Amino acid sequence: MEPAFDPSVVDLVIPVPDVASVAAMRHLHAVTGVMAGPSSGSCLWGAFSVLDRMRREGERGAVVMVVGDVGETYRDSYYDDSWVVGKGWRVEGPLSDMERFTATGAWGVSGG
């Protein structure tokens, strides 16, 4: 375990598949113009998951996401369609999930 990691301060961990991270960072860029990296994509995917849970349970409140990595570094990898396909990732399903949630608030996670 990373020495700086303190699990006692963690309330929730949401596993995010690599392909979902890539789809989410691309969605963030398409919607906001912010070019972030895969860590930020994971955060956005997790934020959408939390928002969906809150909506279903009638809970109100704010969800804050921090963009922690710059996407320019990933222009030749995570933002490159050929590179992503070479990894065997199909971003279409998770990207569709993000687009649908943004448009309608419906969160139904498909495979990637």
Protein backbone atom coordinates (compact mmCIF):
# COMPACT_ATOMS: atom_id res chain seq x y z
CA MET A 1 0.00 0.00 0.00
CA GLU A 2 1.15 3.54 -0.76
CA PRO A 3 2.69 4.92 2.46
CA ALA A 4 0.85 8.24 2.08
CA PHE A 5 -2.54 6.51 1.78
CA ASP A 6 -4.62 6.60 4.94
CA PRO A 7 -7.61 4.23 4.51
CA SER A 8 -9.18 5.48 7.74
CA VAL A 9 -10.24 8.72 5.99
CA VAL A 10 -11.89 6.98 3.01
CA ASP A 11 -15.69 6.83 3.09
CA LEU A 12 -16.30 5.16 -0.25
CA VAL A 13 -14.32 3.48 -3.02
CA ILE A 14 -15.93 3.06 -6.44
CA PRO A 15 -14.13 0.64 -8.77
CA VAL A 16 -13.91 2.14 -12.26
CA PRO A 17 -12.84 0.05 -15.27
CA ASP A 18 -10.04 1.56 -17.37
CA VAL A 19 -12.33 1.89 -20.38
CA ALA A 20 -14.85 3.84 -18.30
CA SER A 21 -12.09 6.22 -17.16
CA VAL A 22 -11.15 6.87 -20.77
CA ALA A 23 -14.78 7.37 -21.81
CA ALA A 24 -15.40 9.75 -18.91
CA MET A 25 -12.33 11.90 -19.59
CA ARG A 26 -13.37 12.15 -23.24
CA HIS A 27 -16.93 13.02 -22.20
CA LEU A 28 -15.63 15.74 -19.89
CA HIS A 29 -13.64 17.19 -22.79
CA ALA A 30 -16.57 17.01 -25.21
CA VAL A 31 -19.02 18.68 -22.81
CA THR A 32 -16.81 21.25 -21.08
CA GLY A 33 -13.71 21.64 -23.24
CA VAL A 34 -11.58 20.61 -20.26
CA MET A 35 -8.91 18.16 -21.41
CA ALA A 36 -8.26 16.02 -18.35
CA GLY A 37 -6.55 12.68 -17.85
CA PRO A 38 -7.76 9.23 -16.85
CA SER A 39 -7.65 9.88 -13.10
CA SER A 40 -10.11 12.72 -13.60
CA GLY A 41 -12.16 10.42 -15.82
CA SER A 42 -12.37 7.93 -12.96
CA CYS A 43 -13.48 10.72 -10.62
CA LEU A 44 -16.20 11.82 -13.02
CA TRP A 45 -17.45 8.25 -13.49
CA GLY A 46 -17.57 7.87 -9.71
CA ALA A 47 -19.33 11.23 -9.30
CA PHE A 48 -22.03 10.19 -11.77
CA SER A 49 -22.45 6.93 -9.83
CA VAL A 50 -22.84 8.82 -6.56
CA LEU A 51 -25.30 11.28 -8.12
CA ASP A 52 -27.37 8.38 -9.43
CA ARG A 53 -27.46 6.74 -6.00
CA MET A 54 -28.43 10.03 -4.38
CA ARG A 55 -31.24 10.56 -6.89
CA ARG A 56 -32.61 7.03 -6.42
CA GLU A 57 -32.52 7.36 -2.62
CA GLY A 58 -34.03 10.85 -2.58
CA GLU A 59 -30.89 12.30 -1.05
CA ARG A 60 -29.98 15.92 -1.76
CA GLY A 61 -26.57 17.53 -1.63
CA ALA A 62 -23.53 18.57 -3.60
CA VAL A 63 -20.98 16.32 -5.27
CA VAL A 64 -17.60 17.90 -5.94
CA MET A 65 -15.05 16.50 -8.36
CA VAL A 66 -11.46 17.69 -8.64
CA VAL A 67 -9.72 17.55 -12.02
CA GLY A 68 -6.36 16.24 -10.85
CA ASP A 69 -4.51 15.57 -14.09
CA VAL A 70 -3.98 17.46 -17.32
CA GLY A 71 -5.08 15.68 -20.50
CA GLU A 72 -2.49 17.17 -22.83
CA THR A 73 -0.05 14.56 -21.54
CA TYR A 74 -2.36 11.85 -22.89
CA ARG A 75 -2.97 13.25 -26.39
CA ASP A 76 -1.01 10.37 -27.98
CA SER A 77 -2.51 7.67 -25.78
CA TYR A 78 -5.89 7.95 -24.06
CA TYR A 79 -7.13 10.60 -26.52
CA ASP A 80 -5.85 8.64 -29.54
CA ASP A 81 -8.54 6.30 -30.95
CA SER A 82 -5.99 3.91 -32.48
CA TRP A 83 -4.10 3.59 -29.21
CA VAL A 84 -7.31 2.92 -27.27
CA VAL A 85 -8.47 0.29 -29.79
CA GLY A 86 -5.02 -1.30 -29.56
CA LYS A 87 -5.62 -1.78 -25.83
CA GLY A 88 -8.81 -3.67 -26.70
CA TRP A 89 -11.03 -1.01 -25.15
CA ARG A 90 -14.39 -0.11 -26.66
CA VAL A 91 -15.37 3.28 -25.28
CA GLU A 92 -18.70 3.42 -27.10
CA GLY A 93 -20.76 1.76 -24.35
CA PRO A 94 -19.39 3.72 -21.39
CA LEU A 95 -19.40 6.93 -23.44
CA SER A 96 -23.07 6.33 -24.24
CA ASP A 97 -23.72 5.88 -20.49
CA MET A 98 -22.10 9.26 -19.78
CA GLU A 99 -23.99 11.02 -22.56
CA ARG A 100 -27.32 9.54 -21.46
CA PHE A 101 -26.73 10.52 -17.84
CA THR A 102 -25.80 14.06 -18.82
CA ALA A 103 -28.91 14.38 -21.00
CA THR A 104 -31.48 12.57 -18.85
CA GLY A 105 -30.07 11.72 -15.42
CA ALA A 106 -30.54 8.00 -16.20
CA TRP A 107 -27.54 5.90 -15.20
CA GLY A 108 -27.45 2.39 -16.61
CA VAL A 109 -23.90 1.16 -16.90
CA SER A 110 -23.13 -0.95 -19.95
CA GLY A 111 -20.08 -3.14 -20.50
CA GLY A 112 -16.94 -1.85 -22.09
